[in-house]
Amino acid sequence: MEKTNLINLDDFGLQPLNMEARLALLQILEDRYRKKSMIIASQLSVKLWYEYLQDSTLADAILDRITAHAHRIELQGKSLRHKK
């Protein structure tokens, strides 16, 4: 995954992460930090990500790597899937 130019995590926070998945996410983020890009899309509010990650130490490490040099875009309004 380190060689891939862009990784897109879609629907982040939809399902609970077990310890193995949280550790894998941390490792991916660490390997890519300031080297390659990631897009993380979520319907879960960013303010709830810490609680979602459950383990406070891992949450600190993961969120530090996600937010340190992030460009955050929050979409508002109705879903485009409900177009007439």
PDB file of N, CA and C in Angstrom:
ATOM      1  N   MET A   1       0.812  -1.204   0.000  1.00  0.00           N
ATOM      2  CA  MET A   1       0.000   0.000   0.000  1.00  0.00           C
ATOM      3  C   MET A   1       0.853   1.264   0.000  1.00  0.00           C
ATOM      4  N   GLU A   2       2.062   1.160   0.456  1.00  0.00           N
ATOM      5  CA  GLU A   2       2.924   2.336   0.534  1.00  0.00           C
ATOM      6  C   GLU A   2       3.239   2.894  -0.851  1.00  0.00           C
ATOM      7  N   LYS A   3       3.257   2.041  -1.868  1.00  0.00           N
ATOM      8  CA  LYS A   3       3.605   2.477  -3.217  1.00  0.00           C
ATOM      9  C   LYS A   3       2.423   3.078  -3.974  1.00  0.00           C
ATOM     10  N   THR A   4       1.212   2.796  -3.526  1.00  0.00           N
ATOM     11  CA  THR A   4       0.018   3.319  -4.180  1.00  0.00           C
ATOM     12  C   THR A   4      -0.053   4.834  -3.973  1.00  0.00           C
ATOM     13  N   ASN A   5      -0.264   5.574  -5.055  1.00  0.00           N
ATOM     14  CA  ASN A   5      -0.279   7.036  -4.967  1.00  0.00           C
ATOM     15  C   ASN A   5      -1.428   7.577  -4.124  1.00  0.00           C
ATOM     16  N   LEU A   6      -2.585   6.932  -4.207  1.00  0.00           N
ATOM     17  CA  LEU A   6      -3.763   7.421  -3.492  1.00  0.00           C
ATOM     18  C   LEU A   6      -4.558   6.249  -2.950  1.00  0.00           C
ATOM     19  N   ILE A   7      -4.935   6.330  -1.697  1.00  0.00           N
ATOM     20  CA  ILE A   7      -5.851   5.356  -1.089  1.00  0.00           C
ATOM     21  C   ILE A   7      -7.097   6.106  -0.676  1.00  0.00           C
ATOM     22  N   ASN A   8      -8.243   5.536  -0.998  1.00  0.00           N
ATOM     23  CA  ASN A   8      -9.528   6.133  -0.659  1.00  0.00           C
ATOM     24  C   ASN A   8     -10.231   5.226   0.349  1.00  0.00           C
ATOM     25  N   LEU A   9     -10.434   5.708   1.564  1.00  0.00           N
ATOM     26  CA  LEU A   9     -11.215   4.990   2.562  1.00  0.00           C
ATOM     27  C   LEU A   9     -12.625   5.559   2.515  1.00  0.00           C
ATOM     28  N   ASP A  10     -13.530   4.831   1.902  1.00  0.00           N
ATOM     29  CA  ASP A  10     -14.902   5.295   1.752  1.00  0.00           C
ATOM     30  C   ASP A  10     -15.765   4.701   2.859  1.00  0.00           C
ATOM     31  N   ASP A  11     -16.724   5.464   3.332  1.00  0.00           N
ATOM     32  CA  ASP A  11     -17.632   5.054   4.404  1.00  0.00           C
ATOM     33  C   ASP A  11     -16.888   4.708   5.695  1.00  0.00           C
ATOM     34  N   PHE A  12     -15.850   5.470   6.001  1.00  0.00           N
ATOM     35  CA  PHE A  12     -15.102   5.278   7.240  1.00  0.00           C
ATOM     36  C   PHE A  12     -16.047   5.447   8.418  1.00  0.00           C
ATOM     37  N   GLY A  13     -16.000   4.519   9.350  1.00  0.00           N
ATOM     38  CA  GLY A  13     -16.816   4.604  10.555  1.00  0.00           C
ATOM     39  C   GLY A  13     -18.150   3.910  10.452  1.00  0.00           C
ATOM     40  N   LEU A  14     -18.396   3.226   9.344  1.00  0.00           N
ATOM     41  CA  LEU A  14     -19.681   2.549   9.171  1.00  0.00           C
ATOM     42  C   LEU A  14     -19.795   1.307  10.052  1.00  0.00           C
ATOM     43  N   GLN A  15     -18.692   0.604  10.211  1.00  0.00           N
ATOM     44  CA  GLN A  15     -18.659  -0.619  11.021  1.00  0.00           C
ATOM     45  C   GLN A  15     -17.584  -0.476  12.092  1.00  0.00           C
ATOM     46  N   PRO A  16     -17.763  -1.114  13.232  1.00  0.00           N
ATOM     47  CA  PRO A  16     -16.736  -1.055  14.277  1.00  0.00           C
ATOM     48  C   PRO A  16     -15.419  -1.679  13.792  1.00  0.00           C
ATOM     49  N   LEU A  17     -14.312  -1.163  14.298  1.00  0.00           N
ATOM     50  CA  LEU A  17     -12.995  -1.712  13.983  1.00  0.00           C
ATOM     51  C   LEU A  17     -12.488  -2.512  15.181  1.00  0.00           C
ATOM     52  N   ASN A  18     -12.022  -3.730  14.925  1.00  0.00           N
ATOM     53  CA  ASN A  18     -11.409  -4.490  16.005  1.00  0.00           C
ATOM     54  C   ASN A  18      -9.969  -4.004  16.190  1.00  0.00           C
ATOM     55  N   MET A  19      -9.285  -4.530  17.186  1.00  0.00           N
ATOM     56  CA  MET A  19      -7.920  -4.072  17.494  1.00  0.00           C
ATOM     57  C   MET A  19      -6.985  -4.290  16.311  1.00  0.00           C
ATOM     58  N   GLU A  20      -7.103  -5.417  15.644  1.00  0.00           N
ATOM     59  CA  GLU A  20      -6.240  -5.705  14.490  1.00  0.00           C
ATOM     60  C   GLU A  20      -6.437  -4.674  13.385  1.00  0.00           C
ATOM     61  N   ALA A  21      -7.674  -4.288  13.124  1.00  0.00           N
ATOM     62  CA  ALA A  21      -7.966  -3.293  12.093  1.00  0.00           C
ATOM     63  C   ALA A  21      -7.450  -1.908  12.491  1.00  0.00           C
ATOM     64  N   ARG A  22      -7.587  -1.543  13.764  1.00  0.00           N
ATOM     65  CA  ARG A  22      -7.074  -0.249  14.223  1.00  0.00           C
ATOM     66  C   ARG A  22      -5.553  -0.183  14.107  1.00  0.00           C
ATOM     67  N   LEU A  23      -4.883  -1.273  14.464  1.00  0.00           N
ATOM     68  CA  LEU A  23      -3.426  -1.322  14.334  1.00  0.00           C
ATOM     69  C   LEU A  23      -2.994  -1.270  12.873  1.00  0.00           C
ATOM     70  N   ALA A  24      -3.734  -1.953  12.003  1.00  0.00           N
ATOM     71  CA  ALA A  24      -3.426  -1.929  10.566  1.00  0.00           C
ATOM     72  C   ALA A  24      -3.611  -0.523  10.006  1.00  0.00           C
ATOM     73  N   LEU A  25      -4.688   0.150  10.419  1.00  0.00           N
ATOM     74  CA  LEU A  25      -4.928   1.520   9.969  1.00  0.00           C
ATOM     75  C   LEU A  25      -3.786   2.433  10.412  1.00  0.00           C
ATOM     76  N   LEU A  26      -3.364   2.308  11.650  1.00  0.00           N
ATOM     77  CA  LEU A  26      -2.250   3.116  12.149  1.00  0.00           C
ATOM     78  C   LEU A  26      -0.991   2.859  11.326  1.00  0.00           C
ATOM     79  N   GLN A  27      -0.719   1.609  11.021  1.00  0.00           N
ATOM     80  CA  GLN A  27       0.481   1.275  10.248  1.00  0.00           C
ATOM     81  C   GLN A  27       0.412   1.861   8.841  1.00  0.00           C
ATOM     82  N   ILE A  28      -0.752   1.782   8.206  1.00  0.00           N
ATOM     83  CA  ILE A  28      -0.931   2.362   6.866  1.00  0.00           C
ATOM     84  C   ILE A  28      -0.699   3.871   6.917  1.00  0.00           C
ATOM     85  N   LEU A  29      -1.305   4.521   7.898  1.00  0.00           N
ATOM     86  CA  LEU A  29      -1.148   5.969   8.032  1.00  0.00           C
ATOM     87  C   LEU A  29       0.306   6.347   8.303  1.00  0.00           C
ATOM     88  N   GLU A  30       0.981   5.578   9.133  1.00  0.00           N
ATOM     89  CA  GLU A  30       2.380   5.850   9.453  1.00  0.00           C
ATOM     90  C   GLU A  30       3.262   5.687   8.213  1.00  0.00           C
ATOM     91  N   ASP A  31       3.019   4.630   7.443  1.00  0.00           N
ATOM     92  CA  ASP A  31       3.819   4.382   6.240  1.00  0.00           C
ATOM     93  C   ASP A  31       3.637   5.469   5.186  1.00  0.00           C
ATOM     94  N   ARG A  32       2.463   6.066   5.142  1.00  0.00           N
ATOM     95  CA  ARG A  32       2.138   7.033   4.101  1.00  0.00           C
ATOM     96  C   ARG A  32       2.316   8.488   4.552  1.00  0.00           C
ATOM     97  N   TYR A  33       2.519   8.715   5.825  1.00  0.00           N
ATOM     98  CA  TYR A  33       2.548  10.066   6.385  1.00  0.00           C
ATOM     99  C   TYR A  33       3.517  10.974   5.629  1.00  0.00           C
ATOM    100  N   ARG A  34       2.976  12.043   5.064  1.00  0.00           N
ATOM    101  CA  ARG A  34       3.709  13.066   4.312  1.00  0.00           C
ATOM    102  C   ARG A  34       4.417  12.529   3.068  1.00  0.00           C
ATOM    103  N   LYS A  35       4.023  11.339   2.617  1.00  0.00           N
ATOM    104  CA  LYS A  35       4.624  10.751   1.419  1.00  0.00           C
ATOM    105  C   LYS A  35       3.593  10.551   0.311  1.00  0.00           C
ATOM    106  N   LYS A  36       2.429  10.034   0.671  1.00  0.00           N
ATOM    107  CA  LYS A  36       1.386   9.697  -0.301  1.00  0.00           C
ATOM    108  C   LYS A  36       0.044  10.192   0.224  1.00  0.00           C
ATOM    109  N   SER A  37      -0.927  10.286  -0.676  1.00  0.00           N
ATOM    110  CA  SER A  37      -2.223  10.866  -0.323  1.00  0.00           C
ATOM    111  C   SER A  37      -3.259   9.819   0.075  1.00  0.00           C
ATOM    112  N   MET A  38      -4.203  10.292   0.893  1.00  0.00           N
ATOM    113  CA  MET A  38      -5.361   9.485   1.271  1.00  0.00           C
ATOM    114  C   MET A  38      -6.589  10.375   1.247  1.00  0.00           C
ATOM    115  N   ILE A  39      -7.687   9.781   0.851  1.00  0.00           N
ATOM    116  CA  ILE A  39      -8.999  10.429   0.959  1.00  0.00           C
ATOM    117  C   ILE A  39      -9.807   9.578   1.925  1.00  0.00           C
ATOM    118  N   ILE A  40     -10.369  10.220   2.923  1.00  0.00           N
ATOM    119  CA  ILE A  40     -11.223   9.518   3.878  1.00  0.00           C
ATOM    120  C   ILE A  40     -12.598  10.159   3.816  1.00  0.00           C
ATOM    121  N   ALA A  41     -13.576   9.374   3.399  1.00  0.00           N
ATOM    122  CA  ALA A  41     -14.958   9.848   3.319  1.00  0.00           C
ATOM    123  C   ALA A  41     -15.766   9.150   4.407  1.00  0.00           C
ATOM    124  N   SER A  42     -16.588   9.922   5.106  1.00  0.00           N
ATOM    125  CA  SER A  42     -17.343   9.360   6.217  1.00  0.00           C
ATOM    126  C   SER A  42     -18.633  10.136   6.434  1.00  0.00           C
ATOM    127  N   GLN A  43     -19.643   9.427   6.842  1.00  0.00           N
ATOM    128  CA  GLN A  43     -20.867  10.085   7.280  1.00  0.00           C
ATOM    129  C   GLN A  43     -20.831  10.327   8.782  1.00  0.00           C
ATOM    130  N   LEU A  44     -19.833   9.753   9.436  1.00  0.00           N
ATOM    131  CA  LEU A  44     -19.625   9.940  10.857  1.00  0.00           C
ATOM    132  C   LEU A  44     -18.893  11.263  11.070  1.00  0.00           C
ATOM    133  N   SER A  45     -19.451  12.116  11.871  1.00  0.00           N
ATOM    134  CA  SER A  45     -18.838  13.414  12.147  1.00  0.00           C
ATOM    135  C   SER A  45     -17.425  13.233  12.684  1.00  0.00           C
ATOM    136  N   VAL A  46     -16.507  14.063  12.241  1.00  0.00           N
ATOM    137  CA  VAL A  46     -15.109  13.979  12.677  1.00  0.00           C
ATOM    138  C   VAL A  46     -15.001  14.057  14.198  1.00  0.00           C
ATOM    139  N   LYS A  47     -15.873  14.824  14.834  1.00  0.00           N
ATOM    140  CA  LYS A  47     -15.802  14.952  16.294  1.00  0.00           C
ATOM    141  C   LYS A  47     -16.114  13.632  17.001  1.00  0.00           C
ATOM    142  N   LEU A  48     -16.692  12.655  16.292  1.00  0.00           N
ATOM    143  CA  LEU A  48     -16.996  11.350  16.874  1.00  0.00           C
ATOM    144  C   LEU A  48     -15.945  10.290  16.547  1.00  0.00           C
ATOM    145  N   TRP A  49     -14.956  10.612  15.737  1.00  0.00           N
ATOM    146  CA  TRP A  49     -13.944   9.627  15.331  1.00  0.00           C
ATOM    147  C   TRP A  49     -13.144   9.119  16.516  1.00  0.00           C
ATOM    148  N   TYR A  50     -12.817   9.970  17.445  1.00  0.00           N
ATOM    149  CA  TYR A  50     -12.046   9.564  18.628  1.00  0.00           C
ATOM    150  C   TYR A  50     -12.799   8.476  19.391  1.00  0.00           C
ATOM    151  N   GLU A  51     -14.066   8.725  19.631  1.00  0.00           N
ATOM    152  CA  GLU A  51     -14.903   7.746  20.335  1.00  0.00           C
ATOM    153  C   GLU A  51     -15.051   6.470  19.503  1.00  0.00           C
ATOM    154  N   TYR A  52     -15.199   6.619  18.199  1.00  0.00           N
ATOM    155  CA  TYR A  52     -15.347   5.473  17.298  1.00  0.00           C
ATOM    156  C   TYR A  52     -14.132   4.544  17.369  1.00  0.00           C
ATOM    157  N   LEU A  53     -12.944   5.127  17.493  1.00  0.00           N
ATOM    158  CA  LEU A  53     -11.715   4.328  17.515  1.00  0.00           C
ATOM    159  C   LEU A  53     -11.488   3.633  18.854  1.00  0.00           C
ATOM    160  N   GLN A  54     -12.258   3.990  19.872  1.00  0.00           N
ATOM    161  CA  GLN A  54     -12.350   3.321  21.170  1.00  0.00           C
ATOM    162  C   GLN A  54     -11.100   3.409  22.030  1.00  0.00           C
ATOM    163  N   ASP A  55      -9.977   2.956  21.589  1.00  0.00           N
ATOM    164  CA  ASP A  55      -8.748   2.948  22.374  1.00  0.00           C
ATOM    165  C   ASP A  55      -8.113   4.335  22.326  1.00  0.00           C
ATOM    166  N   SER A  56      -8.025   5.020  23.465  1.00  0.00           N
ATOM    167  CA  SER A  56      -7.584   6.425  23.460  1.00  0.00           C
ATOM    168  C   SER A  56      -6.161   6.611  22.945  1.00  0.00           C
ATOM    169  N   THR A  57      -5.264   5.690  23.261  1.00  0.00           N
ATOM    170  CA  THR A  57      -3.882   5.818  22.802  1.00  0.00           C
ATOM    171  C   THR A  57      -3.801   5.659  21.291  1.00  0.00           C
ATOM    172  N   LEU A  58      -4.467   4.633  20.764  1.00  0.00           N
ATOM    173  CA  LEU A  58      -4.484   4.432  19.310  1.00  0.00           C
ATOM    174  C   LEU A  58      -5.231   5.554  18.612  1.00  0.00           C
ATOM    175  N   ALA A  59      -6.317   6.005  19.205  1.00  0.00           N
ATOM    176  CA  ALA A  59      -7.082   7.107  18.610  1.00  0.00           C
ATOM    177  C   ALA A  59      -6.217   8.359  18.499  1.00  0.00           C
ATOM    178  N   ASP A  60      -5.441   8.665  19.539  1.00  0.00           N
ATOM    179  CA  ASP A  60      -4.534   9.813  19.486  1.00  0.00           C
ATOM    180  C   ASP A  60      -3.547   9.679  18.333  1.00  0.00           C
ATOM    181  N   ALA A  61      -2.937   8.511  18.207  1.00  0.00           N
ATOM    182  CA  ALA A  61      -1.937   8.289  17.169  1.00  0.00           C
ATOM    183  C   ALA A  61      -2.555   8.347  15.775  1.00  0.00           C
ATOM    184  N   ILE A  62      -3.692   7.696  15.595  1.00  0.00           N
ATOM    185  CA  ILE A  62      -4.360   7.664  14.289  1.00  0.00           C
ATOM    186  C   ILE A  62      -4.827   9.055  13.885  1.00  0.00           C
ATOM    187  N   LEU A  63      -5.523   9.733  14.780  1.00  0.00           N
ATOM    188  CA  LEU A  63      -6.066  11.046  14.449  1.00  0.00           C
ATOM    189  C   LEU A  63      -4.978  12.102  14.268  1.00  0.00           C
ATOM    190  N   ASP A  64      -3.883  11.956  14.980  1.00  0.00           N
ATOM    191  CA  ASP A  64      -2.763  12.872  14.784  1.00  0.00           C
ATOM    192  C   ASP A  64      -2.242  12.770  13.352  1.00  0.00           C
ATOM    193  N   ARG A  65      -2.119  11.552  12.848  1.00  0.00           N
ATOM    194  CA  ARG A  65      -1.614  11.354  11.488  1.00  0.00           C
ATOM    195  C   ARG A  65      -2.635  11.759  10.432  1.00  0.00           C
ATOM    196  N   ILE A  66      -3.906  11.585  10.736  1.00  0.00           N
ATOM    197  CA  ILE A  66      -4.952  11.968   9.776  1.00  0.00           C
ATOM    198  C   ILE A  66      -5.088  13.484   9.693  1.00  0.00           C
ATOM    199  N   THR A  67      -5.066  14.159  10.819  1.00  0.00           N
ATOM    200  CA  THR A  67      -5.413  15.578  10.843  1.00  0.00           C
ATOM    201  C   THR A  67      -4.236  16.533  10.697  1.00  0.00           C
ATOM    202  N   ALA A  68      -3.020  16.066  10.886  1.00  0.00           N
ATOM    203  CA  ALA A  68      -1.862  16.964  10.924  1.00  0.00           C
ATOM    204  C   ALA A  68      -1.716  17.818   9.666  1.00  0.00           C
ATOM    205  N   HIS A  69      -1.897  17.263   8.504  1.00  0.00           N
ATOM    206  CA  HIS A  69      -1.746  18.008   7.256  1.00  0.00           C
ATOM    207  C   HIS A  69      -2.956  17.791   6.354  1.00  0.00           C
ATOM    208  N   ALA A  70      -4.121  17.711   6.944  1.00  0.00           N
ATOM    209  CA  ALA A  70      -5.338  17.380   6.204  1.00  0.00           C
ATOM    210  C   ALA A  70      -6.006  18.625   5.624  1.00  0.00           C
ATOM    211  N   HIS A  71      -6.691  18.412   4.542  1.00  0.00           N
ATOM    212  CA  HIS A  71      -7.620  19.392   3.976  1.00  0.00           C
ATOM    213  C   HIS A  71      -9.000  18.802   4.225  1.00  0.00           C
ATOM    214  N   ARG A  72      -9.785  19.486   5.018  1.00  0.00           N
ATOM    215  CA  ARG A  72     -11.076  18.942   5.429  1.00  0.00           C
ATOM    216  C   ARG A  72     -12.196  19.650   4.677  1.00  0.00           C
ATOM    217  N   ILE A  73     -13.077  18.855   4.096  1.00  0.00           N
ATOM    218  CA  ILE A  73     -14.231  19.380   3.368  1.00  0.00           C
ATOM    219  C   ILE A  73     -15.481  18.762   3.981  1.00  0.00           C
ATOM    220  N   GLU A  74     -16.341  19.595   4.513  1.00  0.00           N
ATOM    221  CA  GLU A  74     -17.600  19.105   5.071  1.00  0.00           C
ATOM    222  C   GLU A  74     -18.723  19.489   4.127  1.00  0.00           C
ATOM    223  N   LEU A  75     -19.400  18.482   3.623  1.00  0.00           N
ATOM    224  CA  LEU A  75     -20.517  18.722   2.714  1.00  0.00           C
ATOM    225  C   LEU A  75     -21.785  18.950   3.521  1.00  0.00           C
ATOM    226  N   GLN A  76     -22.613  19.834   3.020  1.00  0.00           N
ATOM    227  CA  GLN A  76     -23.879  20.117   3.677  1.00  0.00           C
ATOM    228  C   GLN A  76     -24.983  20.098   2.632  1.00  0.00           C
ATOM    229  N   GLY A  77     -26.176  19.951   3.100  1.00  0.00           N
ATOM    230  CA  GLY A  77     -27.305  19.948   2.194  1.00  0.00           C
ATOM    231  C   GLY A  77     -27.866  18.548   1.992  1.00  0.00           C
ATOM    232  N   LYS A  78     -28.849  18.485   1.124  1.00  0.00           N
ATOM    233  CA  LYS A  78     -29.530  17.222   0.865  1.00  0.00           C
ATOM    234  C   LYS A  78     -28.677  16.312  -0.010  1.00  0.00           C
ATOM    235  N   SER A  79     -28.927  15.035   0.126  1.00  0.00           N
ATOM    236  CA  SER A  79     -28.228  14.036  -0.674  1.00  0.00           C
ATOM    237  C   SER A  79     -28.588  14.193  -2.150  1.00  0.00           C
ATOM    238  N   LEU A  80     -27.585  14.068  -2.996  1.00  0.00           N
ATOM    239  CA  LEU A  80     -27.835  14.117  -4.447  1.00  0.00           C
ATOM    240  C   LEU A  80     -28.538  12.854  -4.932  1.00  0.00           C
ATOM    241  N   ARG A  81     -28.602  11.849  -4.124  1.00  0.00           N
ATOM    242  CA  ARG A  81     -29.305  10.619  -4.504  1.00  0.00           C
ATOM    243  C   ARG A  81     -30.828  10.819  -4.520  1.00  0.00           C
ATOM    244  N   HIS A  82     -31.276  11.905  -3.948  1.00  0.00           N
ATOM    245  CA  HIS A  82     -32.719  12.174  -3.904  1.00  0.00           C
ATOM    246  C   HIS A  82     -33.151  13.157  -4.985  1.00  0.00           C
ATOM    247  N   LYS A  83     -32.342  13.294  -6.028  1.00  0.00           N
ATOM    248  CA  LYS A  83     -32.696  14.189  -7.112  1.00  0.00           C
ATOM    249  C   LYS A  83     -33.962  13.704  -7.806  1.00  0.00           C
ATOM    250  N   LYS A  84     -34.717  14.659  -8.318  1.00  0.00           N
ATOM    251  CA  LYS A  84     -35.926  14.291  -9.079  1.00  0.00           C
ATOM    252  C   LYS A  84     -35.584  14.100 -10.519  1.00  0.00           C
TER     253      LYS A  84
END
